[in-house]
N, C-alpha and C. Protein backbone atom coordinates (compact mmCIF):
# COMPACT_ATOMS: atom_id res chain seq x y z
N MET A 1 95.88 91.39 17.92
CA MET A 1 97.24 91.52 18.41
C MET A 1 97.82 90.15 18.73
N LEU A 2 97.00 89.27 19.26
CA LEU A 2 97.46 87.92 19.56
C LEU A 2 97.81 87.19 18.28
N GLY A 3 97.09 87.48 17.21
CA GLY A 3 97.39 86.86 15.92
C GLY A 3 98.78 87.23 15.42
N TRP A 4 99.14 88.51 15.58
CA TRP A 4 100.47 88.95 15.17
C TRP A 4 101.55 88.26 16.01
N ALA A 5 101.30 88.12 17.30
CA ALA A 5 102.27 87.47 18.18
C ALA A 5 102.47 86.02 17.78
N LEU A 6 101.39 85.34 17.44
CA LEU A 6 101.50 83.95 17.02
C LEU A 6 102.22 83.84 15.67
N ALA A 7 101.96 84.77 14.78
CA ALA A 7 102.64 84.75 13.48
C ALA A 7 104.14 84.92 13.66
N PHE A 8 104.54 85.87 14.50
CA PHE A 8 105.97 86.08 14.74
C PHE A 8 106.59 84.91 15.49
N LEU A 9 105.83 84.25 16.33
CA LEU A 9 106.33 83.06 17.00
C LEU A 9 106.64 81.97 15.99
N VAL A 10 105.74 81.76 15.05
CA VAL A 10 105.96 80.74 14.02
C VAL A 10 107.18 81.11 13.17
N ILE A 11 107.30 82.37 12.79
CA ILE A 11 108.45 82.81 12.00
C ILE A 11 109.75 82.60 12.78
N ALA A 12 109.74 82.91 14.06
CA ALA A 12 110.93 82.73 14.89
C ALA A 12 111.29 81.26 15.03
N LEU A 13 110.29 80.40 15.15
CA LEU A 13 110.57 78.96 15.25
C LEU A 13 111.16 78.42 13.96
N ILE A 14 110.65 78.88 12.84
CA ILE A 14 111.19 78.44 11.55
C ILE A 14 112.63 78.94 11.38
N ALA A 15 112.88 80.19 11.75
CA ALA A 15 114.24 80.73 11.67
C ALA A 15 115.19 79.97 12.58
N ALA A 16 114.73 79.61 13.76
CA ALA A 16 115.57 78.84 14.68
C ALA A 16 115.85 77.46 14.11
N LEU A 17 114.86 76.86 13.49
CA LEU A 17 115.05 75.55 12.86
C LEU A 17 116.13 75.62 11.80
N PHE A 18 116.08 76.65 10.95
CA PHE A 18 117.10 76.81 9.92
C PHE A 18 118.47 77.09 10.54
N GLY A 19 118.50 77.92 11.56
CA GLY A 19 119.77 78.30 12.17
C GLY A 19 120.43 77.17 12.93
N PHE A 20 119.64 76.37 13.62
CA PHE A 20 120.20 75.33 14.47
C PHE A 20 120.52 74.04 13.72
N THR A 21 119.95 73.86 12.53
CA THR A 21 120.19 72.61 11.81
C THR A 21 121.19 72.76 10.69
N GLY A 22 121.72 73.94 10.46
CA GLY A 22 122.71 74.12 9.42
C GLY A 22 122.11 74.41 8.05
N LEU A 23 120.83 74.60 7.99
CA LEU A 23 120.19 74.92 6.72
C LEU A 23 120.27 76.41 6.39
N ALA A 24 120.88 77.16 7.27
CA ALA A 24 120.93 78.61 7.08
C ALA A 24 121.72 78.99 5.83
N ALA A 25 122.77 78.26 5.53
CA ALA A 25 123.58 78.58 4.35
C ALA A 25 122.77 78.39 3.08
N GLY A 26 122.02 77.31 3.02
CA GLY A 26 121.17 77.07 1.86
C GLY A 26 120.08 78.10 1.74
N ALA A 27 119.49 78.47 2.85
CA ALA A 27 118.43 79.48 2.83
C ALA A 27 119.00 80.84 2.43
N ALA A 28 120.20 81.15 2.85
CA ALA A 28 120.82 82.42 2.49
C ALA A 28 121.12 82.47 0.99
N THR A 29 121.54 81.36 0.43
CA THR A 29 121.80 81.31 -1.01
C THR A 29 120.51 81.50 -1.79
N ILE A 30 119.46 80.84 -1.36
CA ILE A 30 118.16 81.00 -2.02
C ILE A 30 117.67 82.43 -1.89
N ALA A 31 117.87 83.04 -0.72
CA ALA A 31 117.44 84.42 -0.51
C ALA A 31 118.21 85.38 -1.43
N LYS A 32 119.50 85.14 -1.63
CA LYS A 32 120.29 85.99 -2.52
C LYS A 32 119.80 85.88 -3.96
N VAL A 33 119.52 84.66 -4.40
CA VAL A 33 119.04 84.45 -5.77
C VAL A 33 117.69 85.12 -5.95
N LEU A 34 116.78 84.93 -5.00
CA LEU A 34 115.47 85.55 -5.10
C LEU A 34 115.57 87.07 -5.07
N PHE A 35 116.47 87.61 -4.28
CA PHE A 35 116.66 89.05 -4.24
C PHE A 35 117.08 89.57 -5.60
N LEU A 36 118.03 88.90 -6.24
CA LEU A 36 118.50 89.34 -7.55
C LEU A 36 117.40 89.22 -8.61
N VAL A 37 116.62 88.15 -8.54
CA VAL A 37 115.52 87.97 -9.50
C VAL A 37 114.50 89.09 -9.35
N PHE A 38 114.09 89.37 -8.13
CA PHE A 38 113.07 90.39 -7.91
C PHE A 38 113.63 91.80 -8.16
N LEU A 39 114.91 92.01 -7.95
CA LEU A 39 115.52 93.29 -8.29
C LEU A 39 115.50 93.50 -9.80
N ALA A 40 115.82 92.45 -10.55
CA ALA A 40 115.77 92.55 -12.01
C ALA A 40 114.35 92.80 -12.49
N LEU A 41 113.37 92.12 -11.91
CA LEU A 41 111.98 92.33 -12.30
C LEU A 41 111.52 93.75 -11.97
N PHE A 42 111.95 94.27 -10.83
CA PHE A 42 111.61 95.63 -10.45
C PHE A 42 112.17 96.64 -11.45
N LEU A 43 113.45 96.47 -11.78
CA LEU A 43 114.07 97.40 -12.73
C LEU A 43 113.41 97.31 -14.10
N LEU A 44 113.07 96.11 -14.53
CA LEU A 44 112.40 95.93 -15.81
C LEU A 44 111.05 96.62 -15.82
N SER A 45 110.28 96.44 -14.76
CA SER A 45 108.96 97.08 -14.70
C SER A 45 109.08 98.59 -14.58
N LEU A 46 110.13 99.07 -13.90
CA LEU A 46 110.36 100.51 -13.81
C LEU A 46 110.67 101.10 -15.18
N ILE A 47 111.53 100.44 -15.93
CA ILE A 47 111.88 100.93 -17.26
C ILE A 47 110.67 100.90 -18.20
N ILE A 48 109.92 99.81 -18.16
CA ILE A 48 108.73 99.71 -19.01
C ILE A 48 107.72 100.79 -18.63
N GLY A 49 107.55 101.04 -17.35
CA GLY A 49 106.64 102.08 -16.91
C GLY A 49 107.06 103.47 -17.37
N LEU A 50 108.35 103.75 -17.34
CA LEU A 50 108.84 105.05 -17.79
C LEU A 50 108.68 105.20 -19.30
N VAL A 51 108.90 104.13 -20.04
CA VAL A 51 108.76 104.19 -21.49
C VAL A 51 107.30 104.38 -21.88
N ARG A 52 106.40 103.63 -21.23
CA ARG A 52 104.99 103.75 -21.55
C ARG A 52 104.43 105.10 -21.14
N ARG A 53 104.95 105.64 -20.07
CA ARG A 53 104.47 106.94 -19.59
C ARG A 53 104.90 108.05 -20.55
N GLY A 54 106.06 107.88 -21.17
CA GLY A 54 106.57 108.89 -22.07
C GLY A 54 105.79 108.96 -23.38
N SER A 55 105.22 107.85 -23.81
CA SER A 55 104.48 107.86 -25.08
C SER A 55 103.04 108.23 -24.80
N THR A 56 102.65 109.39 -25.27
CA THR A 56 101.27 109.85 -25.09
C THR A 56 100.53 109.73 -26.40
N THR A 57 99.49 108.94 -26.39
CA THR A 57 98.67 108.80 -27.59
C THR A 57 97.26 109.26 -27.26
N ILE A 58 96.62 109.85 -28.23
CA ILE A 58 95.25 110.32 -28.05
C ILE A 58 94.32 109.30 -28.67
N ARG A 59 93.45 108.75 -27.85
CA ARG A 59 92.49 107.76 -28.33
C ARG A 59 91.12 108.39 -28.42
N VAL A 60 90.45 108.11 -29.51
CA VAL A 60 89.12 108.68 -29.73
C VAL A 60 88.08 107.61 -29.56
C-alpha cells in the first residue's frame, strides 16, 4: 500500500511540474496525438480480428 502511495506521489509531483512551469500545453498536445494514434491502432486491430474470426479454415 505504501508503494502505491509513493507512486501516486511521484505522478502528482510530475503533474505539478508540468502545470506550474507552462509545459502543460505541450503535454496536452502530445497526449492528444498519442490518443489518436492508439485509437487508430485499436480500430485497426479490431477490424483485423473480426475479419480473421470470420474466415474459418479447417487444418489437418
